[in-house]
Amino acid sequence: MKPRRILPVAALILGASVSARAATIQILMENLEIVPAEVSAKVGDTVEWVNKDVLAHTATARNGDFDVMMPPNKTTIYVLKKAGTVDYYCRFHPNMKARLKIEP
């Protein structure tokens, strides 16, 4: 085997063992709404909640998995830790509701 062929083969073998990168999912809090109201994600993905309102909001999971505080006009991030469907809402504005479908 010629030496120049070893590098491409090694790159293919190493590349096959590298896992996919986690995604960043952006969710807006705007005009007292959560947009989008339903999102699919995977464990390890990062949710980036962007609060575009002049009021504070939370992303509070009904099952207790997370309770994220979002100051007005700020962005808050959270890394998803476990699979499942999580319904969440804003504690200050309970009419703001959404769902995360988290796959393993």
PDB file of N, CA and C in Angstrom:
ATOM      1  N   MET A   1       0.850  -1.176   0.000  1.00  0.00           N
ATOM      2  CA  MET A   1       0.000   0.000   0.000  1.00  0.00           C
ATOM      3  C   MET A   1       0.894   1.237   0.000  1.00  0.00           C
ATOM      4  N   LYS A   2       0.565   2.191  -0.811  1.00  0.00           N
ATOM      5  CA  LYS A   2       1.338   3.420  -0.875  1.00  0.00           C
ATOM      6  C   LYS A   2       0.989   4.304   0.306  1.00  0.00           C
ATOM      7  N   PRO A   3       1.955   5.026   0.880  1.00  0.00           N
ATOM      8  CA  PRO A   3       1.711   5.863   2.056  1.00  0.00           C
ATOM      9  C   PRO A   3       0.601   6.883   1.867  1.00  0.00           C
ATOM     10  N   ARG A   4       0.443   7.434   0.684  1.00  0.00           N
ATOM     11  CA  ARG A   4      -0.585   8.470   0.510  1.00  0.00           C
ATOM     12  C   ARG A   4      -2.010   7.923   0.615  1.00  0.00           C
ATOM     13  N   ARG A   5      -2.178   6.621   0.505  1.00  0.00           N
ATOM     14  CA  ARG A   5      -3.502   6.012   0.643  1.00  0.00           C
ATOM     15  C   ARG A   5      -3.876   5.781   2.100  1.00  0.00           C
ATOM     16  N   ILE A   6      -2.928   5.722   2.962  1.00  0.00           N
ATOM     17  CA  ILE A   6      -3.194   5.468   4.380  1.00  0.00           C
ATOM     18  C   ILE A   6      -3.966   6.626   5.005  1.00  0.00           C
ATOM     19  N   LEU A   7      -3.604   7.839   4.715  1.00  0.00           N
ATOM     20  CA  LEU A   7      -4.280   8.999   5.315  1.00  0.00           C
ATOM     21  C   LEU A   7      -5.766   9.052   4.975  1.00  0.00           C
ATOM     22  N   PRO A   8      -6.178   8.909   3.712  1.00  0.00           N
ATOM     23  CA  PRO A   8      -7.623   8.927   3.440  1.00  0.00           C
ATOM     24  C   PRO A   8      -8.381   7.797   4.142  1.00  0.00           C
ATOM     25  N   VAL A   9      -7.769   6.594   4.197  1.00  0.00           N
ATOM     26  CA  VAL A   9      -8.429   5.468   4.870  1.00  0.00           C
ATOM     27  C   VAL A   9      -8.541   5.760   6.364  1.00  0.00           C
ATOM     28  N   ALA A  10      -7.479   6.276   6.972  1.00  0.00           N
ATOM     29  CA  ALA A  10      -7.516   6.620   8.397  1.00  0.00           C
ATOM     30  C   ALA A  10      -8.552   7.683   8.664  1.00  0.00           C
ATOM     31  N   ALA A  11      -8.663   8.660   7.785  1.00  0.00           N
ATOM     32  CA  ALA A  11      -9.660   9.721   7.964  1.00  0.00           C
ATOM     33  C   ALA A  11     -11.073   9.155   7.908  1.00  0.00           C
ATOM     34  N   LEU A  12     -11.315   8.200   7.017  1.00  0.00           N
ATOM     35  CA  LEU A  12     -12.641   7.576   6.941  1.00  0.00           C
ATOM     36  C   LEU A  12     -12.964   6.804   8.205  1.00  0.00           C
ATOM     37  N   ILE A  13     -11.980   6.050   8.715  1.00  0.00           N
ATOM     38  CA  ILE A  13     -12.204   5.266   9.928  1.00  0.00           C
ATOM     39  C   ILE A  13     -12.449   6.187  11.123  1.00  0.00           C
ATOM     40  N   LEU A  14     -11.635   7.206  11.282  1.00  0.00           N
ATOM     41  CA  LEU A  14     -11.815   8.144  12.396  1.00  0.00           C
ATOM     42  C   LEU A  14     -13.108   8.914  12.271  1.00  0.00           C
ATOM     43  N   GLY A  15     -13.461   9.324  11.072  1.00  0.00           N
ATOM     44  CA  GLY A  15     -14.689  10.084  10.847  1.00  0.00           C
ATOM     45  C   GLY A  15     -15.931   9.277  11.175  1.00  0.00           C
ATOM     46  N   ALA A  16     -15.863   7.969  10.968  1.00  0.00           N
ATOM     47  CA  ALA A  16     -17.019   7.118  11.242  1.00  0.00           C
ATOM     48  C   ALA A  16     -17.296   7.007  12.734  1.00  0.00           C
ATOM     49  N   SER A  17     -16.271   7.214  13.572  1.00  0.00           N
ATOM     50  CA  SER A  17     -16.477   7.066  15.000  1.00  0.00           C
ATOM     51  C   SER A  17     -16.895   8.365  15.691  1.00  0.00           C
ATOM     52  N   VAL A  18     -16.894   9.464  14.976  1.00  0.00           N
ATOM     53  CA  VAL A  18     -17.268  10.750  15.562  1.00  0.00           C
ATOM     54  C   VAL A  18     -18.790  10.855  15.599  1.00  0.00           C
ATOM     55  N   SER A  19     -19.335  11.188  16.751  1.00  0.00           N
ATOM     56  CA  SER A  19     -20.787  11.282  16.879  1.00  0.00           C
ATOM     57  C   SER A  19     -21.298  12.607  16.309  1.00  0.00           C
ATOM     58  N   ALA A  20     -22.587  12.643  16.046  1.00  0.00           N
ATOM     59  CA  ALA A  20     -23.209  13.857  15.521  1.00  0.00           C
ATOM     60  C   ALA A  20     -23.181  14.947  16.582  1.00  0.00           C
ATOM     61  N   ARG A  21     -23.125  16.181  16.131  1.00  0.00           N
ATOM     62  CA  ARG A  21     -23.103  17.306  17.062  1.00  0.00           C
ATOM     63  C   ARG A  21     -24.507  17.610  17.567  1.00  0.00           C
ATOM     64  N   ALA A  22     -24.552  18.117  18.756  1.00  0.00           N
ATOM     65  CA  ALA A  22     -25.831  18.522  19.335  1.00  0.00           C
ATOM     66  C   ALA A  22     -26.325  19.774  18.626  1.00  0.00           C
ATOM     67  N   ALA A  23     -27.617  19.927  18.561  1.00  0.00           N
ATOM     68  CA  ALA A  23     -28.230  21.082  17.906  1.00  0.00           C
ATOM     69  C   ALA A  23     -28.567  22.156  18.933  1.00  0.00           C
ATOM     70  N   THR A  24     -28.713  23.367  18.448  1.00  0.00           N
ATOM     71  CA  THR A  24     -29.230  24.464  19.264  1.00  0.00           C
ATOM     72  C   THR A  24     -30.592  24.828  18.713  1.00  0.00           C
ATOM     73  N   ILE A  25     -31.580  24.796  19.576  1.00  0.00           N
ATOM     74  CA  ILE A  25     -32.964  25.059  19.184  1.00  0.00           C
ATOM     75  C   ILE A  25     -33.398  26.370  19.810  1.00  0.00           C
ATOM     76  N   GLN A  26     -33.847  27.294  18.990  1.00  0.00           N
ATOM     77  CA  GLN A  26     -34.248  28.605  19.493  1.00  0.00           C
ATOM     78  C   GLN A  26     -35.763  28.668  19.636  1.00  0.00           C
ATOM     79  N   ILE A  27     -36.191  29.093  20.826  1.00  0.00           N
ATOM     80  CA  ILE A  27     -37.612  29.265  21.127  1.00  0.00           C
ATOM     81  C   ILE A  27     -37.803  30.694  21.606  1.00  0.00           C
ATOM     82  N   LEU A  28     -38.788  31.376  21.034  1.00  0.00           N
ATOM     83  CA  LEU A  28     -39.037  32.775  21.384  1.00  0.00           C
ATOM     84  C   LEU A  28     -40.160  32.910  22.395  1.00  0.00           C
ATOM     85  N   MET A  29     -39.968  33.832  23.309  1.00  0.00           N
ATOM     86  CA  MET A  29     -41.026  34.294  24.209  1.00  0.00           C
ATOM     87  C   MET A  29     -41.315  35.717  23.736  1.00  0.00           C
ATOM     88  N   GLU A  30     -42.453  35.878  23.083  1.00  0.00           N
ATOM     89  CA  GLU A  30     -42.744  37.182  22.482  1.00  0.00           C
ATOM     90  C   GLU A  30     -44.248  37.425  22.472  1.00  0.00           C
ATOM     91  N   ASN A  31     -44.648  38.620  22.871  1.00  0.00           N
ATOM     92  CA  ASN A  31     -46.070  38.975  22.920  1.00  0.00           C
ATOM     93  C   ASN A  31     -46.869  37.986  23.766  1.00  0.00           C
ATOM     94  N   LEU A  32     -46.255  37.568  24.882  1.00  0.00           N
ATOM     95  CA  LEU A  32     -46.870  36.619  25.822  1.00  0.00           C
ATOM     96  C   LEU A  32     -47.236  35.294  25.157  1.00  0.00           C
ATOM     97  N   GLU A  33     -46.400  34.858  24.198  1.00  0.00           N
ATOM     98  CA  GLU A  33     -46.558  33.567  23.541  1.00  0.00           C
ATOM     99  C   GLU A  33     -45.214  32.871  23.465  1.00  0.00           C
ATOM    100  N   ILE A  34     -45.256  31.530  23.398  1.00  0.00           N
ATOM    101  CA  ILE A  34     -44.063  30.723  23.188  1.00  0.00           C
ATOM    102  C   ILE A  34     -44.118  30.217  21.753  1.00  0.00           C
ATOM    103  N   VAL A  35     -43.075  30.553  20.975  1.00  0.00           N
ATOM    104  CA  VAL A  35     -43.066  30.202  19.553  1.00  0.00           C
ATOM    105  C   VAL A  35     -41.745  29.536  19.197  1.00  0.00           C
ATOM    106  N   PRO A  36     -41.758  28.322  18.649  1.00  0.00           N
ATOM    107  CA  PRO A  36     -42.923  27.484  18.409  1.00  0.00           C
ATOM    108  C   PRO A  36     -43.413  26.828  19.700  1.00  0.00           C
ATOM    109  N   ALA A  37     -44.668  26.475  19.708  1.00  0.00           N
ATOM    110  CA  ALA A  37     -45.279  25.903  20.905  1.00  0.00           C
ATOM    111  C   ALA A  37     -44.942  24.417  21.061  1.00  0.00           C
ATOM    112  N   GLU A  38     -44.468  23.783  19.993  1.00  0.00           N
ATOM    113  CA  GLU A  38     -44.061  22.378  20.076  1.00  0.00           C
ATOM    114  C   GLU A  38     -42.764  22.208  19.307  1.00  0.00           C
ATOM    115  N   VAL A  39     -41.786  21.569  19.977  1.00  0.00           N
ATOM    116  CA  VAL A  39     -40.463  21.388  19.397  1.00  0.00           C
ATOM    117  C   VAL A  39     -39.997  19.961  19.635  1.00  0.00           C
ATOM    118  N   SER A  40     -39.354  19.375  18.618  1.00  0.00           N
ATOM    119  CA  SER A  40     -38.704  18.078  18.764  1.00  0.00           C
ATOM    120  C   SER A  40     -37.209  18.312  18.909  1.00  0.00           C
ATOM    121  N   ALA A  41     -36.580  17.556  19.816  1.00  0.00           N
ATOM    122  CA  ALA A  41     -35.154  17.712  20.089  1.00  0.00           C
ATOM    123  C   ALA A  41     -34.597  16.376  20.526  1.00  0.00           C
ATOM    124  N   LYS A  42     -33.293  16.370  20.822  1.00  0.00           N
ATOM    125  CA  LYS A  42     -32.626  15.165  21.307  1.00  0.00           C
ATOM    126  C   LYS A  42     -31.879  15.486  22.590  1.00  0.00           C
ATOM    127  N   VAL A  43     -31.671  14.458  23.407  1.00  0.00           N
ATOM    128  CA  VAL A  43     -30.867  14.620  24.615  1.00  0.00           C
ATOM    129  C   VAL A  43     -29.506  15.178  24.197  1.00  0.00           C
ATOM    130  N   GLY A  44     -29.044  16.190  24.909  1.00  0.00           N
ATOM    131  CA  GLY A  44     -27.776  16.838  24.586  1.00  0.00           C
ATOM    132  C   GLY A  44     -27.933  18.100  23.775  1.00  0.00           C
ATOM    133  N   ASP A  45     -29.100  18.280  23.139  1.00  0.00           N
ATOM    134  CA  ASP A  45     -29.355  19.523  22.412  1.00  0.00           C
ATOM    135  C   ASP A  45     -29.477  20.680  23.396  1.00  0.00           C
ATOM    136  N   THR A  46     -29.208  21.870  22.918  1.00  0.00           N
ATOM    137  CA  THR A  46     -29.332  23.070  23.723  1.00  0.00           C
ATOM    138  C   THR A  46     -30.576  23.833  23.297  1.00  0.00           C
ATOM    139  N   VAL A  47     -31.403  24.175  24.268  1.00  0.00           N
ATOM    140  CA  VAL A  47     -32.549  25.048  23.994  1.00  0.00           C
ATOM    141  C   VAL A  47     -32.114  26.458  24.346  1.00  0.00           C
ATOM    142  N   GLU A  48     -32.360  27.359  23.429  1.00  0.00           N
ATOM    143  CA  GLU A  48     -32.032  28.763  23.622  1.00  0.00           C
ATOM    144  C   GLU A  48     -33.361  29.523  23.647  1.00  0.00           C
ATOM    145  N   TRP A  49     -33.795  29.874  24.863  1.00  0.00           N
ATOM    146  CA  TRP A  49     -35.026  30.644  25.002  1.00  0.00           C
ATOM    147  C   TRP A  49     -34.673  32.119  24.890  1.00  0.00           C
ATOM    148  N   VAL A  50     -35.316  32.803  23.962  1.00  0.00           N
ATOM    149  CA  VAL A  50     -35.074  34.227  23.741  1.00  0.00           C
ATOM    150  C   VAL A  50     -36.317  34.979  24.204  1.00  0.00           C
ATOM    151  N   ASN A  51     -36.182  35.744  25.279  1.00  0.00           N
ATOM    152  CA  ASN A  51     -37.299  36.522  25.816  1.00  0.00           C
ATOM    153  C   ASN A  51     -37.276  37.895  25.158  1.00  0.00           C
ATOM    154  N   LYS A  52     -38.193  38.115  24.237  1.00  0.00           N
ATOM    155  CA  LYS A  52     -38.276  39.399  23.535  1.00  0.00           C
ATOM    156  C   LYS A  52     -39.287  40.341  24.184  1.00  0.00           C
ATOM    157  N   ASP A  53     -39.897  39.908  25.274  1.00  0.00           N
ATOM    158  CA  ASP A  53     -40.866  40.741  25.982  1.00  0.00           C
ATOM    159  C   ASP A  53     -40.156  41.631  27.007  1.00  0.00           C
ATOM    160  N   VAL A  54     -40.875  42.634  27.486  1.00  0.00           N
ATOM    161  CA  VAL A  54     -40.353  43.518  28.532  1.00  0.00           C
ATOM    162  C   VAL A  54     -40.684  42.971  29.924  1.00  0.00           C
ATOM    163  N   LEU A  55     -41.287  41.778  29.949  1.00  0.00           N
ATOM    164  CA  LEU A  55     -41.646  41.094  31.195  1.00  0.00           C
ATOM    165  C   LEU A  55     -40.777  39.858  31.374  1.00  0.00           C
ATOM    166  N   ALA A  56     -40.507  39.476  32.611  1.00  0.00           N
ATOM    167  CA  ALA A  56     -39.787  38.233  32.889  1.00  0.00           C
ATOM    168  C   ALA A  56     -40.705  37.045  32.605  1.00  0.00           C
ATOM    169  N   HIS A  57     -40.094  35.929  32.183  1.00  0.00           N
ATOM    170  CA  HIS A  57     -40.820  34.680  31.945  1.00  0.00           C
ATOM    171  C   HIS A  57     -40.031  33.535  32.560  1.00  0.00           C
ATOM    172  N   THR A  58     -40.691  32.388  32.671  1.00  0.00           N
ATOM    173  CA  THR A  58     -40.008  31.149  33.043  1.00  0.00           C
ATOM    174  C   THR A  58     -40.364  30.078  32.024  1.00  0.00           C
ATOM    175  N   ALA A  59     -39.543  29.059  31.981  1.00  0.00           N
ATOM    176  CA  ALA A  59     -39.878  27.816  31.285  1.00  0.00           C
ATOM    177  C   ALA A  59     -39.877  26.779  32.396  1.00  0.00           C
ATOM    178  N   THR A  60     -41.065  26.456  32.888  1.00  0.00           N
ATOM    179  CA  THR A  60     -41.223  25.581  34.045  1.00  0.00           C
ATOM    180  C   THR A  60     -41.850  24.263  33.598  1.00  0.00           C
ATOM    181  N   ALA A  61     -41.095  23.186  33.710  1.00  0.00           N
ATOM    182  CA  ALA A  61     -41.584  21.869  33.306  1.00  0.00           C
ATOM    183  C   ALA A  61     -42.616  21.371  34.305  1.00  0.00           C
ATOM    184  N   ARG A  62     -43.715  20.877  33.812  1.00  0.00           N
ATOM    185  CA  ARG A  62     -44.764  20.349  34.690  1.00  0.00           C
ATOM    186  C   ARG A  62     -44.293  19.106  35.446  1.00  0.00           C
ATOM    187  N   ASN A  63     -43.321  18.375  34.893  1.00  0.00           N
ATOM    188  CA  ASN A  63     -42.821  17.172  35.559  1.00  0.00           C
ATOM    189  C   ASN A  63     -41.626  17.462  36.468  1.00  0.00           C
ATOM    190  N   GLY A  64     -41.226  18.725  36.592  1.00  0.00           N
ATOM    191  CA  GLY A  64     -40.142  19.097  37.486  1.00  0.00           C
ATOM    192  C   GLY A  64     -38.742  18.994  36.890  1.00  0.00           C
ATOM    193  N   ASP A  65     -38.620  18.657  35.604  1.00  0.00           N
ATOM    194  CA  ASP A  65     -37.301  18.490  34.989  1.00  0.00           C
ATOM    195  C   ASP A  65     -36.487  19.781  34.950  1.00  0.00           C
ATOM    196  N   PHE A  66     -37.126  20.912  34.778  1.00  0.00           N
ATOM    197  CA  PHE A  66     -36.403  22.184  34.735  1.00  0.00           C
ATOM    198  C   PHE A  66     -37.326  23.333  35.115  1.00  0.00           C
ATOM    199  N   ASP A  67     -36.716  24.412  35.553  1.00  0.00           N
ATOM    200  CA  ASP A  67     -37.421  25.659  35.862  1.00  0.00           C
ATOM    201  C   ASP A  67     -36.436  26.787  35.549  1.00  0.00           C
ATOM    202  N   VAL A  68     -36.527  27.301  34.339  1.00  0.00           N
ATOM    203  CA  VAL A  68     -35.567  28.272  33.830  1.00  0.00           C
ATOM    204  C   VAL A  68     -36.166  29.674  33.900  1.00  0.00           C
ATOM    205  N   MET A  69     -35.434  30.590  34.498  1.00  0.00           N
ATOM    206  CA  MET A  69     -35.857  31.986  34.613  1.00  0.00           C
ATOM    207  C   MET A  69     -35.303  32.782  33.437  1.00  0.00           C
ATOM    208  N   MET A  70     -36.141  33.623  32.839  1.00  0.00           N
ATOM    209  CA  MET A  70     -35.731  34.450  31.707  1.00  0.00           C
ATOM    210  C   MET A  70     -36.023  35.915  31.974  1.00  0.00           C
ATOM    211  N   PRO A  71     -34.994  36.702  32.259  1.00  0.00           N
ATOM    212  CA  PRO A  71     -35.205  38.138  32.443  1.00  0.00           C
ATOM    213  C   PRO A  71     -35.694  38.779  31.143  1.00  0.00           C
ATOM    214  N   PRO A  72     -36.300  39.957  31.241  1.00  0.00           N
ATOM    215  CA  PRO A  72     -36.772  40.647  30.032  1.00  0.00           C
ATOM    216  C   PRO A  72     -35.631  40.913  29.055  1.00  0.00           C
ATOM    217  N   ASN A  73     -35.930  40.739  27.769  1.00  0.00           N
ATOM    218  CA  ASN A  73     -34.989  41.033  26.687  1.00  0.00           C
ATOM    219  C   ASN A  73     -33.644  40.330  26.840  1.00  0.00           C
ATOM    220  N   LYS A  74     -33.660  39.094  27.338  1.00  0.00           N
ATOM    221  CA  LYS A  74     -32.440  38.306  27.513  1.00  0.00           C
ATOM    222  C   LYS A  74     -32.622  36.918  26.898  1.00  0.00           C
ATOM    223  N   THR A  75     -31.507  36.243  26.699  1.00  0.00           N
ATOM    224  CA  THR A  75     -31.501  34.870  26.193  1.00  0.00           C
ATOM    225  C   THR A  75     -30.967  33.956  27.287  1.00  0.00           C
ATOM    226  N   THR A  76     -31.626  32.803  27.464  1.00  0.00           N
ATOM    227  CA  THR A  76     -31.227  31.820  28.460  1.00  0.00           C
ATOM    228  C   THR A  76     -31.059  30.478  27.751  1.00  0.00           C
ATOM    229  N   ILE A  77     -30.007  29.733  28.116  1.00  0.00           N
ATOM    230  CA  ILE A  77     -29.799  28.438  27.483  1.00  0.00           C
ATOM    231  C   ILE A  77     -29.941  27.315  28.506  1.00  0.00           C
ATOM    232  N   TYR A  78     -30.326  26.145  27.985  1.00  0.00           N
ATOM    233  CA  TYR A  78     -30.498  24.969  28.824  1.00  0.00           C
ATOM    234  C   TYR A  78     -30.188  23.741  27.968  1.00  0.00           C
ATOM    235  N   VAL A  79     -29.380  22.829  28.477  1.00  0.00           N
ATOM    236  CA  VAL A  79     -29.050  21.597  27.776  1.00  0.00           C
ATOM    237  C   VAL A  79     -30.015  20.505  28.222  1.00  0.00           C
ATOM    238  N   LEU A  80     -30.654  19.859  27.248  1.00  0.00           N
ATOM    239  CA  LEU A  80     -31.629  18.807  27.552  1.00  0.00           C
ATOM    240  C   LEU A  80     -30.921  17.561  28.065  1.00  0.00           C
ATOM    241  N   LYS A  81     -31.398  17.048  29.201  1.00  0.00           N
ATOM    242  CA  LYS A  81     -30.683  15.990  29.900  1.00  0.00           C
ATOM    243  C   LYS A  81     -31.310  14.606  29.794  1.00  0.00           C
ATOM    244  N   LYS A  82     -32.620  14.525  29.521  1.00  0.00           N
ATOM    245  CA  LYS A  82     -33.234  13.205  29.433  1.00  0.00           C
ATOM    246  C   LYS A  82     -34.392  13.200  28.442  1.00  0.00           C
ATOM    247  N   ALA A  83     -34.652  12.009  27.926  1.00  0.00           N
ATOM    248  CA  ALA A  83     -35.687  11.841  26.908  1.00  0.00           C
ATOM    249  C   ALA A  83     -37.080  11.875  27.522  1.00  0.00           C
ATOM    250  N   GLY A  84     -38.057  12.204  26.693  1.00  0.00           N
ATOM    251  CA  GLY A  84     -39.452  12.213  27.117  1.00  0.00           C
ATOM    252  C   GLY A  84     -40.173  13.421  26.556  1.00  0.00           C
ATOM    253  N   THR A  85     -41.455  13.445  26.773  1.00  0.00           N
ATOM    254  CA  THR A  85     -42.252  14.600  26.373  1.00  0.00           C
ATOM    255  C   THR A  85     -42.459  15.464  27.602  1.00  0.00           C
ATOM    256  N   VAL A  86     -42.084  16.731  27.478  1.00  0.00           N
ATOM    257  CA  VAL A  86     -42.151  17.644  28.620  1.00  0.00           C
ATOM    258  C   VAL A  86     -43.050  18.820  28.262  1.00  0.00           C
ATOM    259  N   ASP A  87     -44.142  18.940  28.983  1.00  0.00           N
ATOM    260  CA  ASP A  87     -44.995  20.120  28.869  1.00  0.00           C
ATOM    261  C   ASP A  87     -44.452  21.163  29.831  1.00  0.00           C
ATOM    262  N   TYR A  88     -44.345  22.405  29.357  1.00  0.00           N
ATOM    263  CA  TYR A  88     -43.859  23.466  30.228  1.00  0.00           C
ATOM    264  C   TYR A  88     -44.676  24.735  30.022  1.00  0.00           C
ATOM    265  N   TYR A  89     -44.523  25.657  30.947  1.00  0.00           N
ATOM    266  CA  TYR A  89     -45.309  26.886  30.939  1.00  0.00           C
ATOM    267  C   TYR A  89     -44.527  27.990  31.641  1.00  0.00           C
ATOM    268  N   CYS A  90     -45.061  29.205  31.583  1.00  0.00           N
ATOM    269  CA  CYS A  90     -44.482  30.323  32.323  1.00  0.00           C
ATOM    270  C   CYS A  90     -45.244  30.456  33.642  1.00  0.00           C
ATOM    271  N   ARG A  91     -44.514  30.420  34.768  1.00  0.00           N
ATOM    272  CA  ARG A  91     -45.175  30.548  36.070  1.00  0.00           C
ATOM    273  C   ARG A  91     -45.856  31.897  36.237  1.00  0.00           C
ATOM    274  N   PHE A  92     -45.313  32.943  35.613  1.00  0.00           N
ATOM    275  CA  PHE A  92     -45.890  34.278  35.743  1.00  0.00           C
ATOM    276  C   PHE A  92     -47.083  34.495  34.812  1.00  0.00           C
ATOM    277  N   HIS A  93     -47.120  33.741  33.725  1.00  0.00           N
ATOM    278  CA  HIS A  93     -48.181  33.875  32.716  1.00  0.00           C
ATOM    279  C   HIS A  93     -48.612  32.463  32.301  1.00  0.00           C
ATOM    280  N   PRO A  94     -49.422  31.789  33.135  1.00  0.00           N
ATOM    281  CA  PRO A  94     -49.751  30.376  32.928  1.00  0.00           C
ATOM    282  C   PRO A  94     -50.429  30.046  31.597  1.00  0.00           C
ATOM    283  N   ASN A  95     -50.920  31.056  30.897  1.00  0.00           N
ATOM    284  CA  ASN A  95     -51.508  30.809  29.581  1.00  0.00           C
ATOM    285  C   ASN A  95     -50.430  30.549  28.528  1.00  0.00           C
ATOM    286  N   MET A  96     -49.163  30.850  28.854  1.00  0.00           N
ATOM    287  CA  MET A  96     -48.046  30.569  27.947  1.00  0.00           C
ATOM    288  C   MET A  96     -47.626  29.116  28.164  1.00  0.00           C
ATOM    289  N   LYS A  97     -47.948  28.246  27.185  1.00  0.00           N
ATOM    290  CA  LYS A  97     -47.702  26.823  27.321  1.00  0.00           C
ATOM    291  C   LYS A  97     -46.984  26.303  26.078  1.00  0.00           C
ATOM    292  N   ALA A  98     -46.157  25.263  26.272  1.00  0.00           N
ATOM    293  CA  ALA A  98     -45.459  24.658  25.148  1.00  0.00           C
ATOM    294  C   ALA A  98     -45.076  23.226  25.492  1.00  0.00           C
ATOM    295  N   ARG A  99     -44.508  22.519  24.500  1.00  0.00           N
ATOM    296  CA  ARG A  99     -44.133  21.119  24.690  1.00  0.00           C
ATOM    297  C   ARG A  99     -42.808  20.848  23.983  1.00  0.00           C
ATOM    298  N   LEU A 100     -41.946  20.111  24.680  1.00  0.00           N
ATOM    299  CA  LEU A 100     -40.687  19.617  24.117  1.00  0.00           C
ATOM    300  C   LEU A 100     -40.796  18.110  23.995  1.00  0.00           C
ATOM    301  N   LYS A 101     -40.555  17.578  22.796  1.00  0.00           N
ATOM    302  CA  LYS A 101     -40.485  16.142  22.592  1.00  0.00           C
ATOM    303  C   LYS A 101     -39.012  15.798  22.442  1.00  0.00           C
ATOM    304  N   ILE A 102     -38.454  15.158  23.468  1.00  0.00           N
ATOM    305  CA  ILE A 102     -37.022  14.910  23.529  1.00  0.00           C
ATOM    306  C   ILE A 102     -36.746  13.435  23.285  1.00  0.00           C
ATOM    307  N   GLU A 103     -36.000  13.150  22.219  1.00  0.00           N
ATOM    308  CA  GLU A 103     -35.627  11.784  21.856  1.00  0.00           C
ATOM    309  C   GLU A 103     -34.259  11.469  22.448  1.00  0.00           C
ATOM    310  N   PRO A 104     -33.996  10.180  22.677  1.00  0.00           N
ATOM    311  CA  PRO A 104     -32.668   9.802  23.221  1.00  0.00           C
ATOM    312  C   PRO A 104     -31.531  10.166  22.267  1.00  0.00           C
TER     313      PRO A 104
END
